[in-house]
């Protein structure tokens, strides 16, 4: 069953483009779950099976609110930027 997981960049990382956020996600960088029973737990791309939709929230300035979003689907190329 396909699902959507919401994650946020961990350790205060900021990205200046959706491409940079997706590159870190696909490289296996740590992110944190922001919803569900495991909210606050660290995770990475290795934790989700193919077909899972991942909604990545990230700040453009370190310490700012994570108000930029990008959607990726595990096992698929490309991504969809969600403008604020």
C-alpha atoms as a PDB file:
ATOM      1  CA  UNK A   1       0.000   0.000   0.000  1.00  0.00           C
ATOM      2  CA  UNK A   2       1.359   3.414  -0.920  1.00  0.00           C
ATOM      3  CA  UNK A   3       1.664   5.945   1.884  1.00  0.00           C
ATOM      4  CA  UNK A   4       2.869   9.477   2.454  1.00  0.00           C
ATOM      5  CA  UNK A   5       5.518  10.200   5.047  1.00  0.00           C
ATOM      6  CA  UNK A   6       6.268  13.753   6.191  1.00  0.00           C
ATOM      7  CA  UNK A   7       9.877  14.509   7.057  1.00  0.00           C
ATOM      8  CA  UNK A   8      12.017  17.542   7.823  1.00  0.00           C
ATOM      9  CA  UNK A   9      15.751  18.159   7.418  1.00  0.00           C
ATOM     10  CA  UNK A  10      17.585  17.103  10.596  1.00  0.00           C
ATOM     11  CA  UNK A  11      20.257  18.907  12.624  1.00  0.00           C
ATOM     12  CA  UNK A  12      19.154  22.375  11.483  1.00  0.00           C
ATOM     13  CA  UNK A  13      20.197  21.845   7.856  1.00  0.00           C
ATOM     14  CA  UNK A  14      18.907  24.424   5.374  1.00  0.00           C
ATOM     15  CA  UNK A  15      18.712  24.108   1.605  1.00  0.00           C
ATOM     16  CA  UNK A  16      18.724  26.826  -1.011  1.00  0.00           C
ATOM     17  CA  UNK A  17      16.904  24.735  -3.603  1.00  0.00           C
ATOM     18  CA  UNK A  18      14.567  21.750  -3.769  1.00  0.00           C
ATOM     19  CA  UNK A  19      17.244  19.942  -5.789  1.00  0.00           C
ATOM     20  CA  UNK A  20      19.640  20.168  -2.833  1.00  0.00           C
ATOM     21  CA  UNK A  21      17.036  18.758  -0.409  1.00  0.00           C
ATOM     22  CA  UNK A  22      16.244  15.870  -2.769  1.00  0.00           C
ATOM     23  CA  UNK A  23      19.955  15.163  -3.343  1.00  0.00           C
ATOM     24  CA  UNK A  24      20.556  14.836   0.419  1.00  0.00           C
ATOM     25  CA  UNK A  25      17.459  12.635   0.800  1.00  0.00           C
ATOM     26  CA  UNK A  26      18.584  10.314  -1.983  1.00  0.00           C
ATOM     27  CA  UNK A  27      22.154  10.247  -0.615  1.00  0.00           C
ATOM     28  CA  UNK A  28      20.852   8.904   2.707  1.00  0.00           C
ATOM     29  CA  UNK A  29      21.187  12.001   4.918  1.00  0.00           C
ATOM     30  CA  UNK A  30      19.229  12.006   8.179  1.00  0.00           C
ATOM     31  CA  UNK A  31      15.799  13.612   8.326  1.00  0.00           C
ATOM     32  CA  UNK A  32      13.140  13.588  11.069  1.00  0.00           C
ATOM     33  CA  UNK A  33       9.585  12.341  10.844  1.00  0.00           C
ATOM     34  CA  UNK A  34       7.128  15.161  11.573  1.00  0.00           C
ATOM     35  CA  UNK A  35       3.831  13.271  11.775  1.00  0.00           C
ATOM     36  CA  UNK A  36       2.446   9.967  12.946  1.00  0.00           C
ATOM     37  CA  UNK A  37       3.325   7.744  15.881  1.00  0.00           C
ATOM     38  CA  UNK A  38       7.074   8.002  15.175  1.00  0.00           C
ATOM     39  CA  UNK A  39       7.151  11.825  14.911  1.00  0.00           C
ATOM     40  CA  UNK A  40      10.525  13.166  16.038  1.00  0.00           C
ATOM     41  CA  UNK A  41      12.388   9.983  15.096  1.00  0.00           C
ATOM     42  CA  UNK A  42      15.304  10.169  12.694  1.00  0.00           C
ATOM     43  CA  UNK A  43      14.962   8.446   9.332  1.00  0.00           C
ATOM     44  CA  UNK A  44      16.490   8.317   5.873  1.00  0.00           C
ATOM     45  CA  UNK A  45      15.654   7.076   2.407  1.00  0.00           C
ATOM     46  CA  UNK A  46      16.678   3.559   3.474  1.00  0.00           C
ATOM     47  CA  UNK A  47      13.719   3.375   5.863  1.00  0.00           C
ATOM     48  CA  UNK A  48      10.974   3.531   3.224  1.00  0.00           C
ATOM     49  CA  UNK A  49      10.025   1.032   0.518  1.00  0.00           C
ATOM     50  CA  UNK A  50       9.545   1.834  -3.155  1.00  0.00           C
ATOM     51  CA  UNK A  51       6.230   3.559  -3.841  1.00  0.00           C
ATOM     52  CA  UNK A  52       6.264   5.573  -0.602  1.00  0.00           C
ATOM     53  CA  UNK A  53       5.574   9.266  -1.157  1.00  0.00           C
ATOM     54  CA  UNK A  54       7.869  11.449   0.950  1.00  0.00           C
ATOM     55  CA  UNK A  55       6.915  15.080   1.667  1.00  0.00           C
ATOM     56  CA  UNK A  56      10.167  16.866   2.617  1.00  0.00           C
ATOM     57  CA  UNK A  57       9.885  20.175   4.473  1.00  0.00           C
ATOM     58  CA  UNK A  58      12.995  22.315   4.705  1.00  0.00           C
ATOM     59  CA  UNK A  59      14.024  25.864   5.626  1.00  0.00           C
ATOM     60  CA  UNK A  60      15.943  28.019   3.187  1.00  0.00           C
ATOM     61  CA  UNK A  61      17.757  29.733   6.068  1.00  0.00           C
ATOM     62  CA  UNK A  62      19.181  27.803   9.012  1.00  0.00           C
ATOM     63  CA  UNK A  63      17.013  28.220  12.094  1.00  0.00           C
ATOM     64  CA  UNK A  64      14.017  29.394  10.050  1.00  0.00           C
ATOM     65  CA  UNK A  65      10.658  27.627   9.808  1.00  0.00           C
ATOM     66  CA  UNK A  66      10.627  24.696   7.402  1.00  0.00           C
ATOM     67  CA  UNK A  67       8.190  26.340   5.016  1.00  0.00           C
ATOM     68  CA  UNK A  68       9.502  25.017   1.703  1.00  0.00           C
ATOM     69  CA  UNK A  69       8.345  21.578   0.532  1.00  0.00           C
ATOM     70  CA  UNK A  70       9.282  19.036  -2.096  1.00  0.00           C
ATOM     71  CA  UNK A  71       7.589  15.711  -2.864  1.00  0.00           C
ATOM     72  CA  UNK A  72       9.529  12.604  -3.916  1.00  0.00           C
ATOM     73  CA  UNK A  73       8.336   9.049  -4.553  1.00  0.00           C
ATOM     74  CA  UNK A  74      10.719   6.303  -3.488  1.00  0.00           C
ATOM     75  CA  UNK A  75      12.043   4.370  -6.474  1.00  0.00           C
ATOM     76  CA  UNK A  76      11.077   7.020  -9.039  1.00  0.00           C
ATOM     77  CA  UNK A  77      13.125   9.710 -10.728  1.00  0.00           C
ATOM     78  CA  UNK A  78      12.281  13.390 -10.375  1.00  0.00           C
ATOM     79  CA  UNK A  79      10.391  15.326  -7.722  1.00  0.00           C
ATOM     80  CA  UNK A  80       7.658  17.921  -7.393  1.00  0.00           C
ATOM     81  CA  UNK A  81       8.390  21.267  -5.705  1.00  0.00           C
ATOM     82  CA  UNK A  82       5.489  22.662  -3.687  1.00  0.00           C
ATOM     83  CA  UNK A  83       5.775  26.472  -3.722  1.00  0.00           C
ATOM     84  CA  UNK A  84       4.862  28.268  -0.551  1.00  0.00           C
END
